[in-house]
Amino acid sequence: MENQDINPIPATPATPPTPGTSTAQDVMPGSIMYMVFGIVSVCICWFGWIPFAGVVFAVAGLVFGILAFKKSKKMQKEYDANTAAFKPASKAFIKVASITGLIGIILSCIFIVIAIIMSILGAVGGAYYNF
């Protein structure tokens, strides 16, 4: 205990990187955002069964799905052109954005049809049951 140094001096000081040169890889810009867009697309399209309001949810899911799918294709081309500049996790984010965007597009189209049918049935059913 008596031989411990209270303020140790580091052996070599850390040198800051020079501006303009980055040795660390970065995550592809927008890859996480469009992955979240794809996940949101799949999640909100399930509210399409609700009469009247379901159309809004299904269309919103369709918009998020299209954005995620289209942008993920562009980001995949950019990633393939320069793989050394981006972290490998970017490829996974792009793939998830593409898959969830495509699933969101398909499910949203199905739920748009269901929402329209449910809205028509709700309007017709409401006419029969006037309380």
C-alpha atoms as a PDB file:
ATOM      1  CA  MET A   1       0.000   0.000   0.000  1.00  0.00           C
ATOM      2  CA  GLU A   2       2.831   2.424   0.709  1.00  0.00           C
ATOM      3  CA  ASN A   3       4.468   1.927  -2.702  1.00  0.00           C
ATOM      4  CA  GLN A   4       1.431   2.893  -4.782  1.00  0.00           C
ATOM      5  CA  ASP A   5       1.709   5.971  -6.942  1.00  0.00           C
ATOM      6  CA  ILE A   6      -1.211   8.367  -6.472  1.00  0.00           C
ATOM      7  CA  ASN A   7      -0.933  10.139  -9.839  1.00  0.00           C
ATOM      8  CA  PRO A   8       0.453   7.730 -12.415  1.00  0.00           C
ATOM      9  CA  ILE A   9       1.792   9.286 -15.616  1.00  0.00           C
ATOM     10  CA  PRO A  10       0.714   7.511 -18.817  1.00  0.00           C
ATOM     11  CA  ALA A  11       3.568   5.920 -20.747  1.00  0.00           C
ATOM     12  CA  THR A  12       2.621   7.413 -24.122  1.00  0.00           C
ATOM     13  CA  PRO A  13       0.180  10.259 -24.631  1.00  0.00           C
ATOM     14  CA  ALA A  14      -2.684   9.662 -27.021  1.00  0.00           C
ATOM     15  CA  THR A  15      -2.323  11.537 -30.281  1.00  0.00           C
ATOM     16  CA  PRO A  16      -5.497  13.026 -31.691  1.00  0.00           C
ATOM     17  CA  PRO A  17      -6.386  12.052 -35.259  1.00  0.00           C
ATOM     18  CA  THR A  18      -5.683  14.619 -37.919  1.00  0.00           C
ATOM     19  CA  PRO A  19      -8.746  16.317 -39.388  1.00  0.00           C
ATOM     20  CA  GLY A  20     -10.014  14.852 -42.633  1.00  0.00           C
ATOM     21  CA  THR A  21      -8.595  11.365 -42.059  1.00  0.00           C
ATOM     22  CA  SER A  22     -10.734   8.776 -40.346  1.00  0.00           C
ATOM     23  CA  THR A  23      -9.278   5.396 -39.533  1.00  0.00           C
ATOM     24  CA  ALA A  24     -12.486   4.175 -37.885  1.00  0.00           C
ATOM     25  CA  GLN A  25     -15.335   2.849 -39.962  1.00  0.00           C
ATOM     26  CA  ASP A  26     -18.725   4.494 -39.721  1.00  0.00           C
ATOM     27  CA  VAL A  27     -22.211   3.079 -39.894  1.00  0.00           C
ATOM     28  CA  MET A  28     -23.885   3.767 -43.231  1.00  0.00           C
ATOM     29  CA  PRO A  29     -25.782   7.055 -42.876  1.00  0.00           C
ATOM     30  CA  GLY A  30     -29.518   6.406 -42.771  1.00  0.00           C
ATOM     31  CA  SER A  31     -29.269   2.629 -42.456  1.00  0.00           C
ATOM     32  CA  ILE A  32     -30.642   2.529 -38.924  1.00  0.00           C
ATOM     33  CA  MET A  33     -33.377   5.047 -39.728  1.00  0.00           C
ATOM     34  CA  TYR A  34     -34.661   3.066 -42.702  1.00  0.00           C
ATOM     35  CA  MET A  35     -34.445  -0.160 -40.719  1.00  0.00           C
ATOM     36  CA  VAL A  36     -36.754   1.482 -38.167  1.00  0.00           C
ATOM     37  CA  PHE A  37     -39.021   2.649 -41.025  1.00  0.00           C
ATOM     38  CA  GLY A  38     -39.366  -0.965 -42.183  1.00  0.00           C
ATOM     39  CA  ILE A  39     -40.160  -2.177 -38.674  1.00  0.00           C
ATOM     40  CA  VAL A  40     -42.703   0.624 -38.182  1.00  0.00           C
ATOM     41  CA  SER A  41     -44.272  -0.301 -41.523  1.00  0.00           C
ATOM     42  CA  VAL A  42     -44.816  -3.885 -40.446  1.00  0.00           C
ATOM     43  CA  CYS A  43     -46.139  -2.836 -37.031  1.00  0.00           C
ATOM     44  CA  ILE A  44     -48.671  -0.169 -37.992  1.00  0.00           C
ATOM     45  CA  CYS A  45     -50.184  -1.938 -40.991  1.00  0.00           C
ATOM     46  CA  TRP A  46     -51.785  -4.453 -38.604  1.00  0.00           C
ATOM     47  CA  PHE A  47     -54.230  -1.745 -37.509  1.00  0.00           C
ATOM     48  CA  GLY A  48     -55.782  -1.903 -40.974  1.00  0.00           C
ATOM     49  CA  TRP A  49     -58.669  -4.068 -39.790  1.00  0.00           C
ATOM     50  CA  ILE A  50     -60.168  -1.129 -37.858  1.00  0.00           C
ATOM     51  CA  PRO A  51     -63.144   0.289 -39.801  1.00  0.00           C
ATOM     52  CA  PHE A  52     -62.611   3.791 -41.255  1.00  0.00           C
ATOM     53  CA  ALA A  53     -59.329   4.601 -39.418  1.00  0.00           C
ATOM     54  CA  GLY A  54     -57.684   1.414 -40.660  1.00  0.00           C
ATOM     55  CA  VAL A  55     -57.212   2.895 -44.106  1.00  0.00           C
ATOM     56  CA  VAL A  56     -54.988   5.619 -42.636  1.00  0.00           C
ATOM     57  CA  PHE A  57     -52.848   3.088 -40.771  1.00  0.00           C
ATOM     58  CA  ALA A  58     -52.542   0.814 -43.799  1.00  0.00           C
ATOM     59  CA  VAL A  59     -51.550   3.686 -46.097  1.00  0.00           C
ATOM     60  CA  ALA A  60     -49.022   4.955 -43.538  1.00  0.00           C
ATOM     61  CA  GLY A  61     -47.567   1.446 -43.365  1.00  0.00           C
ATOM     62  CA  LEU A  62     -47.366   1.386 -47.145  1.00  0.00           C
ATOM     63  CA  VAL A  63     -45.513   4.717 -47.239  1.00  0.00           C
ATOM     64  CA  PHE A  64     -42.999   3.623 -44.591  1.00  0.00           C
ATOM     65  CA  GLY A  65     -42.508   0.287 -46.372  1.00  0.00           C
ATOM     66  CA  ILE A  66     -41.867   1.922 -49.739  1.00  0.00           C
ATOM     67  CA  LEU A  67     -39.387   4.371 -48.202  1.00  0.00           C
ATOM     68  CA  ALA A  68     -37.512   1.587 -46.401  1.00  0.00           C
ATOM     69  CA  PHE A  69     -37.380  -0.695 -49.443  1.00  0.00           C
ATOM     70  CA  LYS A  70     -36.359   1.953 -52.002  1.00  0.00           C
ATOM     71  CA  LYS A  71     -33.693   3.569 -49.833  1.00  0.00           C
ATOM     72  CA  SER A  72     -32.265   0.214 -48.757  1.00  0.00           C
ATOM     73  CA  LYS A  73     -31.657  -0.694 -52.402  1.00  0.00           C
ATOM     74  CA  LYS A  74     -29.773   2.582 -52.955  1.00  0.00           C
ATOM     75  CA  MET A  75     -27.778   2.104 -49.755  1.00  0.00           C
ATOM     76  CA  GLN A  76     -26.895  -1.472 -50.758  1.00  0.00           C
ATOM     77  CA  LYS A  77     -25.338  -0.208 -53.996  1.00  0.00           C
ATOM     78  CA  GLU A  78     -23.384   2.441 -52.098  1.00  0.00           C
ATOM     79  CA  TYR A  79     -22.234  -0.118 -49.518  1.00  0.00           C
ATOM     80  CA  ASP A  80     -21.107  -2.555 -52.221  1.00  0.00           C
ATOM     81  CA  ALA A  81     -19.157   0.209 -53.969  1.00  0.00           C
ATOM     82  CA  ASN A  82     -17.185   1.110 -50.825  1.00  0.00           C
ATOM     83  CA  THR A  83     -17.287  -1.654 -48.206  1.00  0.00           C
ATOM     84  CA  ALA A  84     -14.096  -0.527 -46.466  1.00  0.00           C
ATOM     85  CA  ALA A  85     -15.626   2.784 -45.376  1.00  0.00           C
ATOM     86  CA  PHE A  86     -18.547   1.269 -43.469  1.00  0.00           C
ATOM     87  CA  LYS A  87     -18.945  -1.100 -40.546  1.00  0.00           C
ATOM     88  CA  PRO A  88     -20.123  -4.635 -41.348  1.00  0.00           C
ATOM     89  CA  ALA A  89     -23.209  -4.015 -39.206  1.00  0.00           C
ATOM     90  CA  SER A  90     -24.383  -1.571 -41.868  1.00  0.00           C
ATOM     91  CA  LYS A  91     -24.947  -4.491 -44.229  1.00  0.00           C
ATOM     92  CA  ALA A  92     -27.232  -6.133 -41.662  1.00  0.00           C
ATOM     93  CA  PHE A  93     -29.154  -2.893 -41.102  1.00  0.00           C
ATOM     94  CA  ILE A  94     -29.630  -2.489 -44.844  1.00  0.00           C
ATOM     95  CA  LYS A  95     -30.805  -6.076 -45.224  1.00  0.00           C
ATOM     96  CA  VAL A  96     -33.301  -5.730 -42.366  1.00  0.00           C
ATOM     97  CA  ALA A  97     -34.594  -2.475 -43.897  1.00  0.00           C
ATOM     98  CA  SER A  98     -35.065  -4.197 -47.244  1.00  0.00           C
ATOM     99  CA  ILE A  99     -36.829  -7.261 -45.857  1.00  0.00           C
ATOM    100  CA  THR A 100     -39.098  -5.439 -43.423  1.00  0.00           C
ATOM    101  CA  GLY A 101     -39.874  -2.797 -46.047  1.00  0.00           C
ATOM    102  CA  LEU A 102     -40.954  -5.480 -48.529  1.00  0.00           C
ATOM    103  CA  ILE A 103     -43.030  -7.296 -45.915  1.00  0.00           C
ATOM    104  CA  GLY A 104     -44.572  -3.965 -44.900  1.00  0.00           C
ATOM    105  CA  ILE A 105     -45.512  -3.207 -48.518  1.00  0.00           C
ATOM    106  CA  ILE A 106     -47.179  -6.594 -48.984  1.00  0.00           C
ATOM    107  CA  LEU A 107     -49.033  -6.516 -45.664  1.00  0.00           C
ATOM    108  CA  SER A 108     -50.113  -2.909 -46.149  1.00  0.00           C
ATOM    109  CA  CYS A 109     -51.605  -3.695 -49.555  1.00  0.00           C
ATOM    110  CA  ILE A 110     -53.540  -6.580 -48.018  1.00  0.00           C
ATOM    111  CA  PHE A 111     -54.717  -4.458 -45.102  1.00  0.00           C
ATOM    112  CA  ILE A 112     -55.773  -1.584 -47.376  1.00  0.00           C
ATOM    113  CA  VAL A 113     -58.194  -3.984 -49.041  1.00  0.00           C
ATOM    114  CA  ILE A 114     -59.342  -5.303 -45.658  1.00  0.00           C
ATOM    115  CA  ALA A 115     -59.755  -1.752 -44.314  1.00  0.00           C
ATOM    116  CA  ILE A 116     -61.908  -0.767 -47.290  1.00  0.00           C
ATOM    117  CA  ILE A 117     -64.057  -3.874 -46.874  1.00  0.00           C
ATOM    118  CA  MET A 118     -64.407  -3.299 -43.128  1.00  0.00           C
ATOM    119  CA  SER A 119     -65.309   0.351 -43.708  1.00  0.00           C
ATOM    120  CA  ILE A 120     -67.996  -0.601 -46.218  1.00  0.00           C
ATOM    121  CA  LEU A 121     -69.377  -3.256 -43.880  1.00  0.00           C
ATOM    122  CA  GLY A 122     -69.308  -0.805 -40.998  1.00  0.00           C
ATOM    123  CA  ALA A 123     -71.209   1.807 -42.986  1.00  0.00           C
ATOM    124  CA  VAL A 124     -73.785  -0.671 -44.259  1.00  0.00           C
ATOM    125  CA  GLY A 125     -74.130  -2.351 -40.849  1.00  0.00           C
ATOM    126  CA  GLY A 126     -74.604   1.006 -39.180  1.00  0.00           C
ATOM    127  CA  ALA A 127     -77.497   1.784 -41.505  1.00  0.00           C
ATOM    128  CA  TYR A 128     -79.347  -1.360 -40.388  1.00  0.00           C
ATOM    129  CA  TYR A 129     -78.854  -0.783 -36.688  1.00  0.00           C
ATOM    130  CA  ASN A 130     -80.103   2.721 -35.984  1.00  0.00           C
ATOM    131  CA  PHE A 131     -80.527   2.930 -32.268  1.00  0.00           C
END
